[in-house]
Structure formats: C-alpha cells, structure tokens
C-alpha cells in the first residue's frame, strides 16, 4: 500500500497501517508531493495516489487495467484519516478473497 504526503506531511498514519496490516501488506510512503507527482507519471492511468491519499494494490498486474481493484482512500480530516485505516484494511482483506 502507498501513502502519499502533502506539503505538511502525511495525514494518514503509516505506523497505524503497518500495525493493522501486519505481514499482509508492505507500507510505503511518498514523502513529498514531488515524489508523488513522479509516481503519478510512472503509473498507469487512474492508478496513482497523491495529495495525502492512500491506496492499496493487489499482487499481480490486473489492477493496472482494472482501477476498481486498487481503491484510493482520501483523508481531508483527522477523522477521515482514522477511517482510511479501517477502509484500506478491509480493502486488503477483500484482496485475499
């Protein structure tokens, strides 16, 4: 899973994801907006994450053409950031199905 940053840092807590997901997923942080823009350029259309959002990607390559397989979760407030941890944990669990 990828967590992007804003100019003020991450809103979604990477440690909370790492704790919640354990060995089910690796957690990566795009530490600056410029890194997120470079990531966006390298990713297939509609599969990148930036602006403080987070996204989980299933194993394999099917998500590259099926954007619904990698849900982007936004967080504009602290409450939404906490909710994003739960939502992405469910997304990761659903990928196992």
PDB file of N, CA and C in Angstrom:
ATOM      1  N   UNK A   1       0.832  -1.157   0.000  1.00  0.00           N
ATOM      2  CA  UNK A   1       0.000   0.000   0.000  1.00  0.00           C
ATOM      3  C   UNK A   1       0.880   1.225   0.000  1.00  0.00           C
ATOM      4  N   UNK A   2       0.381   2.291  -0.576  1.00  0.00           N
ATOM      5  CA  UNK A   2       1.115   3.542  -0.714  1.00  0.00           C
ATOM      6  C   UNK A   2       0.351   4.644   0.013  1.00  0.00           C
ATOM      7  N   UNK A   3       1.082   5.439   0.790  1.00  0.00           N
ATOM      8  CA  UNK A   3       0.515   6.622   1.430  1.00  0.00           C
ATOM      9  C   UNK A   3       1.244   7.833   0.868  1.00  0.00           C
ATOM     10  N   UNK A   4       0.493   8.781   0.355  1.00  0.00           N
ATOM     11  CA  UNK A   4       1.112   9.989  -0.181  1.00  0.00           C
ATOM     12  C   UNK A   4       1.129  11.092   0.870  1.00  0.00           C
ATOM     13  N   UNK A   5       1.942  12.085   0.628  1.00  0.00           N
ATOM     14  CA  UNK A   5       2.102  13.207   1.557  1.00  0.00           C
ATOM     15  C   UNK A   5       1.646  14.505   0.916  1.00  0.00           C
ATOM     16  N   UNK A   6       1.291  15.431   1.767  1.00  0.00           N
ATOM     17  CA  UNK A   6       1.070  16.804   1.338  1.00  0.00           C
ATOM     18  C   UNK A   6       2.318  17.595   1.730  1.00  0.00           C
ATOM     19  N   UNK A   7       2.319  18.882   1.487  1.00  0.00           N
ATOM     20  CA  UNK A   7       3.475  19.693   1.877  1.00  0.00           C
ATOM     21  C   UNK A   7       3.664  19.707   3.386  1.00  0.00           C
ATOM     22  N   UNK A   8       2.612  19.342   4.137  1.00  0.00           N
ATOM     23  CA  UNK A   8       2.677  19.286   5.595  1.00  0.00           C
ATOM     24  C   UNK A   8       2.946  17.886   6.126  1.00  0.00           C
ATOM     25  N   UNK A   9       3.182  16.932   5.244  1.00  0.00           N
ATOM     26  CA  UNK A   9       3.435  15.551   5.653  1.00  0.00           C
ATOM     27  C   UNK A   9       2.236  14.656   5.394  1.00  0.00           C
ATOM     28  N   UNK A  10       2.275  13.472   5.977  1.00  0.00           N
ATOM     29  CA  UNK A  10       1.171  12.521   5.782  1.00  0.00           C
ATOM     30  C   UNK A  10       0.042  12.844   6.748  1.00  0.00           C
ATOM     31  N   UNK A  11      -1.156  12.735   6.282  1.00  0.00           N
ATOM     32  CA  UNK A  11      -2.318  12.866   7.166  1.00  0.00           C
ATOM     33  C   UNK A  11      -2.674  11.472   7.694  1.00  0.00           C
ATOM     34  N   UNK A  12      -2.541  10.483   6.832  1.00  0.00           N
ATOM     35  CA  UNK A  12      -2.831   9.101   7.209  1.00  0.00           C
ATOM     36  C   UNK A  12      -1.564   8.521   7.830  1.00  0.00           C
ATOM     37  N   UNK A  13      -1.688   7.945   8.995  1.00  0.00           N
ATOM     38  CA  UNK A  13      -0.546   7.483   9.777  1.00  0.00           C
ATOM     39  C   UNK A  13       0.012   6.159   9.242  1.00  0.00           C
ATOM     40  N   UNK A  14       1.231   6.164   8.692  1.00  0.00           N
ATOM     41  CA  UNK A  14       1.816   4.914   8.179  1.00  0.00           C
ATOM     42  C   UNK A  14       1.987   3.846   9.253  1.00  0.00           C
ATOM     43  N   UNK A  15       2.324   4.250  10.473  1.00  0.00           N
ATOM     44  CA  UNK A  15       2.511   3.273  11.555  1.00  0.00           C
ATOM     45  C   UNK A  15       1.204   2.571  11.896  1.00  0.00           C
ATOM     46  N   UNK A  16       0.093   3.293  11.815  1.00  0.00           N
ATOM     47  CA  UNK A  16      -1.212   2.673  12.083  1.00  0.00           C
ATOM     48  C   UNK A  16      -1.513   1.594  11.052  1.00  0.00           C
ATOM     49  N   UNK A  17      -1.168   1.859   9.796  1.00  0.00           N
ATOM     50  CA  UNK A  17      -1.367   0.838   8.758  1.00  0.00           C
ATOM     51  C   UNK A  17      -0.463  -0.358   8.990  1.00  0.00           C
ATOM     52  N   UNK A  18       0.794  -0.098   9.261  1.00  0.00           N
ATOM     53  CA  UNK A  18       1.740  -1.192   9.473  1.00  0.00           C
ATOM     54  C   UNK A  18       1.279  -2.082  10.624  1.00  0.00           C
ATOM     55  N   UNK A  19       0.810  -1.466  11.702  1.00  0.00           N
ATOM     56  CA  UNK A  19       0.321  -2.223  12.858  1.00  0.00           C
ATOM     57  C   UNK A  19      -0.934  -3.014  12.491  1.00  0.00           C
ATOM     58  N   UNK A  20      -1.849  -2.378  11.809  1.00  0.00           N
ATOM     59  CA  UNK A  20      -3.134  -3.008  11.466  1.00  0.00           C
ATOM     60  C   UNK A  20      -2.972  -4.116  10.436  1.00  0.00           C
ATOM     61  N   UNK A  21      -2.104  -3.918   9.439  1.00  0.00           N
ATOM     62  CA  UNK A  21      -1.974  -4.871   8.342  1.00  0.00           C
ATOM     63  C   UNK A  21      -0.953  -5.971   8.623  1.00  0.00           C
ATOM     64  N   UNK A  22      -0.020  -5.716   9.523  1.00  0.00           N
ATOM     65  CA  UNK A  22       0.991  -6.725   9.830  1.00  0.00           C
ATOM     66  C   UNK A  22       1.722  -7.175   8.582  1.00  0.00           C
ATOM     67  N   UNK A  23       1.820  -8.477   8.400  1.00  0.00           N
ATOM     68  CA  UNK A  23       2.562  -9.016   7.252  1.00  0.00           C
ATOM     69  C   UNK A  23       1.698  -9.130   5.991  1.00  0.00           C
ATOM     70  N   UNK A  24       0.440  -8.689   6.061  1.00  0.00           N
ATOM     71  CA  UNK A  24      -0.452  -8.778   4.904  1.00  0.00           C
ATOM     72  C   UNK A  24      -0.075  -7.814   3.783  1.00  0.00           C
ATOM     73  N   UNK A  25       0.612  -6.733   4.127  1.00  0.00           N
ATOM     74  CA  UNK A  25       0.944  -5.733   3.114  1.00  0.00           C
ATOM     75  C   UNK A  25       2.181  -4.957   3.535  1.00  0.00           C
ATOM     76  N   UNK A  26       2.913  -4.495   2.556  1.00  0.00           N
ATOM     77  CA  UNK A  26       4.028  -3.579   2.795  1.00  0.00           C
ATOM     78  C   UNK A  26       3.493  -2.163   2.689  1.00  0.00           C
ATOM     79  N   UNK A  27       3.981  -1.294   3.548  1.00  0.00           N
ATOM     80  CA  UNK A  27       3.526   0.095   3.571  1.00  0.00           C
ATOM     81  C   UNK A  27       4.666   0.984   3.088  1.00  0.00           C
ATOM     82  N   UNK A  28       4.381   1.780   2.065  1.00  0.00           N
ATOM     83  CA  UNK A  28       5.354   2.717   1.515  1.00  0.00           C
ATOM     84  C   UNK A  28       4.792   4.126   1.611  1.00  0.00           C
ATOM     85  N   UNK A  29       5.667   5.090   1.832  1.00  0.00           N
ATOM     86  CA  UNK A  29       5.263   6.486   1.937  1.00  0.00           C
ATOM     87  C   UNK A  29       5.936   7.286   0.833  1.00  0.00           C
ATOM     88  N   UNK A  30       5.140   8.033   0.084  1.00  0.00           N
ATOM     89  CA  UNK A  30       5.659   9.012  -0.870  1.00  0.00           C
ATOM     90  C   UNK A  30       5.881  10.280  -0.052  1.00  0.00           C
ATOM     91  N   UNK A  31       7.112  10.536   0.326  1.00  0.00           N
ATOM     92  CA  UNK A  31       7.429  11.506   1.376  1.00  0.00           C
ATOM     93  C   UNK A  31       7.173  12.964   1.020  1.00  0.00           C
ATOM     94  N   UNK A  32       7.114  13.292  -0.247  1.00  0.00           N
ATOM     95  CA  UNK A  32       6.876  14.678  -0.650  1.00  0.00           C
ATOM     96  C   UNK A  32       5.914  14.703  -1.830  1.00  0.00           C
ATOM     97  N   UNK A  33       5.243  15.824  -2.039  1.00  0.00           N
ATOM     98  CA  UNK A  33       4.380  15.926  -3.223  1.00  0.00           C
ATOM     99  C   UNK A  33       5.145  15.707  -4.527  1.00  0.00           C
ATOM    100  N   UNK A  34       6.394  16.152  -4.611  1.00  0.00           N
ATOM    101  CA  UNK A  34       7.136  15.961  -5.862  1.00  0.00           C
ATOM    102  C   UNK A  34       7.390  14.480  -6.135  1.00  0.00           C
ATOM    103  N   UNK A  35       7.617  13.694  -5.101  1.00  0.00           N
ATOM    104  CA  UNK A  35       7.758  12.248  -5.285  1.00  0.00           C
ATOM    105  C   UNK A  35       6.435  11.663  -5.770  1.00  0.00           C
ATOM    106  N   UNK A  36       5.330  12.151  -5.219  1.00  0.00           N
ATOM    107  CA  UNK A  36       4.015  11.670  -5.645  1.00  0.00           C
ATOM    108  C   UNK A  36       3.749  11.997  -7.106  1.00  0.00           C
ATOM    109  N   UNK A  37       4.184  13.167  -7.550  1.00  0.00           N
ATOM    110  CA  UNK A  37       3.990  13.522  -8.962  1.00  0.00           C
ATOM    111  C   UNK A  37       4.813  12.611  -9.867  1.00  0.00           C
ATOM    112  N   UNK A  38       6.024  12.296  -9.454  1.00  0.00           N
ATOM    113  CA  UNK A  38       6.851  11.361 -10.239  1.00  0.00           C
ATOM    114  C   UNK A  38       6.203   9.973 -10.253  1.00  0.00           C
ATOM    115  N   UNK A  39       5.662   9.553  -9.118  1.00  0.00           N
ATOM    116  CA  UNK A  39       4.958   8.279  -9.026  1.00  0.00           C
ATOM    117  C   UNK A  39       3.759   8.279  -9.977  1.00  0.00           C
ATOM    118  N   UNK A  40       2.999   9.373  -9.987  1.00  0.00           N
ATOM    119  CA  UNK A  40       1.843   9.512 -10.867  1.00  0.00           C
ATOM    120  C   UNK A  40       2.245   9.351 -12.331  1.00  0.00           C
ATOM    121  N   UNK A  41       3.340   9.959 -12.704  1.00  0.00           N
ATOM    122  CA  UNK A  41       3.810   9.863 -14.095  1.00  0.00           C
ATOM    123  C   UNK A  41       4.203   8.438 -14.471  1.00  0.00           C
ATOM    124  N   UNK A  42       4.690   7.673 -13.514  1.00  0.00           N
ATOM    125  CA  UNK A  42       5.152   6.314 -13.790  1.00  0.00           C
ATOM    126  C   UNK A  42       4.032   5.277 -13.770  1.00  0.00           C
ATOM    127  N   UNK A  43       2.893   5.623 -13.198  1.00  0.00           N
ATOM    128  CA  UNK A  43       1.801   4.663 -13.030  1.00  0.00           C
ATOM    129  C   UNK A  43       0.850   4.680 -14.224  1.00  0.00           C
ATOM    130  N   UNK A  44       0.146   3.555 -14.457  1.00  0.00           N
ATOM    131  CA  UNK A  44      -0.906   3.548 -15.477  1.00  0.00           C
ATOM    132  C   UNK A  44      -1.990   4.572 -15.118  1.00  0.00           C
ATOM    133  N   UNK A  45      -2.722   5.023 -16.113  1.00  0.00           N
ATOM    134  CA  UNK A  45      -3.792   5.999 -15.891  1.00  0.00           C
ATOM    135  C   UNK A  45      -4.733   5.553 -14.775  1.00  0.00           C
ATOM    136  N   UNK A  46      -5.113   6.510 -13.941  1.00  0.00           N
ATOM    137  CA  UNK A  46      -6.096   6.309 -12.881  1.00  0.00           C
ATOM    138  C   UNK A  46      -5.699   5.279 -11.824  1.00  0.00           C
ATOM    139  N   UNK A  47      -4.385   5.083 -11.617  1.00  0.00           N
ATOM    140  CA  UNK A  47      -3.949   4.127 -10.595  1.00  0.00           C
ATOM    141  C   UNK A  47      -2.988   4.747  -9.577  1.00  0.00           C
ATOM    142  N   UNK A  48      -2.703   6.018  -9.687  1.00  0.00           N
ATOM    143  CA  UNK A  48      -1.736   6.633  -8.780  1.00  0.00           C
ATOM    144  C   UNK A  48      -2.429   7.207  -7.553  1.00  0.00           C
ATOM    145  N   UNK A  49      -1.622   7.697  -6.632  1.00  0.00           N
ATOM    146  CA  UNK A  49      -2.131   8.278  -5.401  1.00  0.00           C
ATOM    147  C   UNK A  49      -1.274   9.496  -5.065  1.00  0.00           C
ATOM    148  N   UNK A  50      -1.931  10.571  -4.640  1.00  0.00           N
ATOM    149  CA  UNK A  50      -1.205  11.796  -4.291  1.00  0.00           C
ATOM    150  C   UNK A  50      -2.100  12.658  -3.426  1.00  0.00           C
ATOM    151  N   UNK A  51      -1.580  13.763  -2.923  1.00  0.00           N
ATOM    152  CA  UNK A  51      -2.382  14.716  -2.166  1.00  0.00           C
ATOM    153  C   UNK A  51      -2.787  14.253  -0.781  1.00  0.00           C
ATOM    154  N   UNK A  52      -2.012  13.351  -0.175  1.00  0.00           N
ATOM    155  CA  UNK A  52      -2.341  12.869   1.151  1.00  0.00           C
ATOM    156  C   UNK A  52      -3.215  11.633   1.176  1.00  0.00           C
ATOM    157  N   UNK A  53      -3.594  11.126   0.024  1.00  0.00           N
ATOM    158  CA  UNK A  53      -4.433   9.925  -0.055  1.00  0.00           C
ATOM    159  C   UNK A  53      -3.580   8.669   0.102  1.00  0.00           C
ATOM    160  N   UNK A  54      -4.255   7.539   0.227  1.00  0.00           N
ATOM    161  CA  UNK A  54      -3.593   6.242   0.312  1.00  0.00           C
ATOM    162  C   UNK A  54      -4.297   5.266  -0.625  1.00  0.00           C
ATOM    163  N   UNK A  55      -3.549   4.255  -1.038  1.00  0.00           N
ATOM    164  CA  UNK A  55      -4.108   3.265  -1.954  1.00  0.00           C
ATOM    165  C   UNK A  55      -3.422   1.928  -1.724  1.00  0.00           C
ATOM    166  N   UNK A  56      -4.187   0.868  -1.813  1.00  0.00           N
ATOM    167  CA  UNK A  56      -3.619  -0.476  -1.750  1.00  0.00           C
ATOM    168  C   UNK A  56      -3.719  -1.093  -3.137  1.00  0.00           C
ATOM    169  N   UNK A  57      -2.712  -1.869  -3.471  1.00  0.00           N
ATOM    170  CA  UNK A  57      -2.648  -2.524  -4.771  1.00  0.00           C
ATOM    171  C   UNK A  57      -2.515  -4.026  -4.561  1.00  0.00           C
ATOM    172  N   UNK A  58      -3.363  -4.832  -5.212  1.00  0.00           N
ATOM    173  CA  UNK A  58      -3.236  -6.282  -5.054  1.00  0.00           C
ATOM    174  C   UNK A  58      -1.994  -6.807  -5.781  1.00  0.00           C
ATOM    175  N   UNK A  59      -1.587  -8.007  -5.439  1.00  0.00           N
ATOM    176  CA  UNK A  59      -0.482  -8.625  -6.152  1.00  0.00           C
ATOM    177  C   UNK A  59      -0.900  -8.880  -7.594  1.00  0.00           C
ATOM    178  N   UNK A  60       0.072  -9.073  -8.448  1.00  0.00           N
ATOM    179  CA  UNK A  60      -0.204  -9.278  -9.864  1.00  0.00           C
ATOM    180  C   UNK A  60      -0.325  -7.959 -10.594  1.00  0.00           C
ATOM    181  N   UNK A  61      -0.803  -8.018 -11.816  1.00  0.00           N
ATOM    182  CA  UNK A  61      -0.883  -6.813 -12.651  1.00  0.00           C
ATOM    183  C   UNK A  61      -2.290  -6.461 -13.106  1.00  0.00           C
ATOM    184  N   UNK A  62      -3.292  -7.226 -12.716  1.00  0.00           N
ATOM    185  CA  UNK A  62      -4.663  -6.976 -13.180  1.00  0.00           C
ATOM    186  C   UNK A  62      -5.148  -5.582 -12.788  1.00  0.00           C
ATOM    187  N   UNK A  63      -4.675  -5.050 -11.659  1.00  0.00           N
ATOM    188  CA  UNK A  63      -5.108  -3.725 -11.195  1.00  0.00           C
ATOM    189  C   UNK A  63      -4.704  -2.625 -12.171  1.00  0.00           C
ATOM    190  N   UNK A  64      -3.730  -2.896 -13.019  1.00  0.00           N
ATOM    191  CA  UNK A  64      -3.274  -1.870 -13.957  1.00  0.00           C
ATOM    192  C   UNK A  64      -4.326  -1.535 -15.003  1.00  0.00           C
ATOM    193  N   UNK A  65      -5.230  -2.462 -15.255  1.00  0.00           N
ATOM    194  CA  UNK A  65      -6.302  -2.206 -16.221  1.00  0.00           C
ATOM    195  C   UNK A  65      -7.688  -2.242 -15.571  1.00  0.00           C
ATOM    196  N   UNK A  66      -7.742  -2.561 -14.281  1.00  0.00           N
ATOM    197  CA  UNK A  66      -8.997  -2.575 -13.533  1.00  0.00           C
ATOM    198  C   UNK A  66      -8.809  -1.688 -12.305  1.00  0.00           C
ATOM    199  N   UNK A  67      -9.055  -0.409 -12.464  1.00  0.00           N
ATOM    200  CA  UNK A  67      -8.787   0.553 -11.404  1.00  0.00           C
ATOM    201  C   UNK A  67      -9.607   0.282 -10.139  1.00  0.00           C
ATOM    202  N   UNK A  68     -10.714  -0.421 -10.247  1.00  0.00           N
ATOM    203  CA  UNK A  68     -11.513  -0.739  -9.061  1.00  0.00           C
ATOM    204  C   UNK A  68     -10.787  -1.699  -8.126  1.00  0.00           C
ATOM    205  N   UNK A  69      -9.770  -2.379  -8.628  1.00  0.00           N
ATOM    206  CA  UNK A  69      -9.007  -3.311  -7.795  1.00  0.00           C
ATOM    207  C   UNK A  69      -8.082  -2.584  -6.832  1.00  0.00           C
ATOM    208  N   UNK A  70      -7.844  -1.303  -7.081  1.00  0.00           N
ATOM    209  CA  UNK A  70      -6.962  -0.518  -6.201  1.00  0.00           C
ATOM    210  C   UNK A  70      -7.686   0.770  -5.820  1.00  0.00           C
ATOM    211  N   UNK A  71      -8.384   0.709  -4.709  1.00  0.00           N
ATOM    212  CA  UNK A  71      -9.200   1.839  -4.265  1.00  0.00           C
ATOM    213  C   UNK A  71      -8.344   2.927  -3.622  1.00  0.00           C
ATOM    214  N   UNK A  72      -8.562   4.155  -4.043  1.00  0.00           N
ATOM    215  CA  UNK A  72      -7.903   5.301  -3.425  1.00  0.00           C
ATOM    216  C   UNK A  72      -8.768   5.772  -2.269  1.00  0.00           C
ATOM    217  N   UNK A  73      -8.143   5.992  -1.138  1.00  0.00           N
ATOM    218  CA  UNK A  73      -8.849   6.468   0.050  1.00  0.00           C
ATOM    219  C   UNK A  73      -8.323   7.855   0.405  1.00  0.00           C
ATOM    220  N   UNK A  74      -9.222   8.805   0.489  1.00  0.00           N
ATOM    221  CA  UNK A  74      -8.868  10.195   0.766  1.00  0.00           C
ATOM    222  C   UNK A  74      -9.032  10.504   2.248  1.00  0.00           C
ATOM    223  N   UNK A  75      -8.294  11.514   2.705  1.00  0.00           N
ATOM    224  CA  UNK A  75      -8.417  11.931   4.108  1.00  0.00           C
ATOM    225  C   UNK A  75      -8.176  13.428   4.184  1.00  0.00           C
ATOM    226  N   UNK A  76      -9.247  14.168   4.375  1.00  0.00           N
ATOM    227  CA  UNK A  76      -9.138  15.624   4.499  1.00  0.00           C
ATOM    228  C   UNK A  76      -9.192  16.081   5.955  1.00  0.00           C
ATOM    229  N   UNK A  77      -9.496  15.157   6.867  1.00  0.00           N
ATOM    230  CA  UNK A  77      -9.564  15.494   8.290  1.00  0.00           C
ATOM    231  C   UNK A  77      -8.951  14.346   9.084  1.00  0.00           C
ATOM    232  N   UNK A  78      -8.724  14.571  10.368  1.00  0.00           N
ATOM    233  CA  UNK A  78      -8.182  13.515  11.221  1.00  0.00           C
ATOM    234  C   UNK A  78      -9.144  12.332  11.318  1.00  0.00           C
ATOM    235  N   UNK A  79     -10.440  12.624  11.365  1.00  0.00           N
ATOM    236  CA  UNK A  79     -11.436  11.544  11.426  1.00  0.00           C
ATOM    237  C   UNK A  79     -11.407  10.708  10.145  1.00  0.00           C
ATOM    238  N   UNK A  80     -11.310  11.363   8.990  1.00  0.00           N
ATOM    239  CA  UNK A  80     -11.226  10.624   7.729  1.00  0.00           C
ATOM    240  C   UNK A  80      -9.933   9.830   7.645  1.00  0.00           C
ATOM    241  N   UNK A  81      -8.851  10.355   8.213  1.00  0.00           N
ATOM    242  CA  UNK A  81      -7.576   9.634   8.215  1.00  0.00           C
ATOM    243  C   UNK A  81      -7.696   8.352   9.037  1.00  0.00           C
ATOM    244  N   UNK A  82      -8.360   8.427  10.179  1.00  0.00           N
ATOM    245  CA  UNK A  82      -8.577   7.231  11.005  1.00  0.00           C
ATOM    246  C   UNK A  82      -9.482   6.240  10.272  1.00  0.00           C
ATOM    247  N   UNK A  83     -10.520   6.739   9.621  1.00  0.00           N
ATOM    248  CA  UNK A  83     -11.409   5.868   8.847  1.00  0.00           C
ATOM    249  C   UNK A  83     -10.675   5.204   7.693  1.00  0.00           C
ATOM    250  N   UNK A  84      -9.718   5.902   7.089  1.00  0.00           N
ATOM    251  CA  UNK A  84      -8.972   5.349   5.953  1.00  0.00           C
ATOM    252  C   UNK A  84      -8.209   4.098   6.356  1.00  0.00           C
ATOM    253  N   UNK A  85      -7.703   4.072   7.584  1.00  0.00           N
ATOM    254  CA  UNK A  85      -7.003   2.877   8.061  1.00  0.00           C
ATOM    255  C   UNK A  85      -7.949   1.685   8.021  1.00  0.00           C
ATOM    256  N   UNK A  86      -9.170   1.854   8.531  1.00  0.00           N
ATOM    257  CA  UNK A  86     -10.143   0.764   8.524  1.00  0.00           C
ATOM    258  C   UNK A  86     -10.557   0.385   7.105  1.00  0.00           C
ATOM    259  N   UNK A  87     -10.793   1.383   6.270  1.00  0.00           N
ATOM    260  CA  UNK A  87     -11.224   1.111   4.896  1.00  0.00           C
ATOM    261  C   UNK A  87     -10.154   0.350   4.113  1.00  0.00           C
ATOM    262  N   UNK A  88      -8.924   0.783   4.220  1.00  0.00           N
ATOM    263  CA  UNK A  88      -7.870   0.102   3.462  1.00  0.00           C
ATOM    264  C   UNK A  88      -7.597  -1.274   4.043  1.00  0.00           C
ATOM    265  N   UNK A  89      -7.693  -1.437   5.351  1.00  0.00           N
ATOM    266  CA  UNK A  89      -7.540  -2.775   5.928  1.00  0.00           C
ATOM    267  C   UNK A  89      -8.589  -3.709   5.342  1.00  0.00           C
ATOM    268  N   UNK A  90      -9.828  -3.230   5.195  1.00  0.00           N
ATOM    269  CA  UNK A  90     -10.880  -4.044   4.561  1.00  0.00           C
ATOM    270  C   UNK A  90     -10.567  -4.284   3.091  1.00  0.00           C
ATOM    271  N   UNK A  91     -10.050  -3.256   2.400  1.00  0.00           N
ATOM    272  CA  UNK A  91      -9.670  -3.443   1.004  1.00  0.00           C
ATOM    273  C   UNK A  91      -8.638  -4.566   0.874  1.00  0.00           C
ATOM    274  N   UNK A  92      -7.639  -4.545   1.743  1.00  0.00           N
ATOM    275  CA  UNK A  92      -6.591  -5.576   1.705  1.00  0.00           C
ATOM    276  C   UNK A  92      -7.187  -6.944   2.019  1.00  0.00           C
ATOM    277  N   UNK A  93      -8.063  -7.012   3.023  1.00  0.00           N
ATOM    278  CA  UNK A  93      -8.720  -8.288   3.331  1.00  0.00           C
ATOM    279  C   UNK A  93      -9.518  -8.805   2.147  1.00  0.00           C
ATOM    280  N   UNK A  94     -10.215  -7.903   1.437  1.00  0.00           N
ATOM    281  CA  UNK A  94     -11.002  -8.299   0.278  1.00  0.00           C
ATOM    282  C   UNK A  94     -10.130  -8.809  -0.867  1.00  0.00           C
ATOM    283  N   UNK A  95      -8.889  -8.351  -0.931  1.00  0.00           N
ATOM    284  CA  UNK A  95      -7.993  -8.812  -1.982  1.00  0.00           C
ATOM    285  C   UNK A  95      -7.640 -10.278  -1.808  1.00  0.00           C
ATOM    286  N   UNK A  96      -7.755 -10.771  -0.580  1.00  0.00           N
ATOM    287  CA  UNK A  96      -7.460 -12.183  -0.308  1.00  0.00           C
ATOM    288  C   UNK A  96      -8.569 -13.098  -0.809  1.00  0.00           C
ATOM    289  N   UNK A  97      -9.758 -12.540  -1.033  1.00  0.00           N
ATOM    290  CA  UNK A  97     -10.915 -13.359  -1.476  1.00  0.00           C
ATOM    291  C   UNK A  97     -10.785 -13.787  -2.917  1.00  0.00           C
TER     292      UNK A  97
END
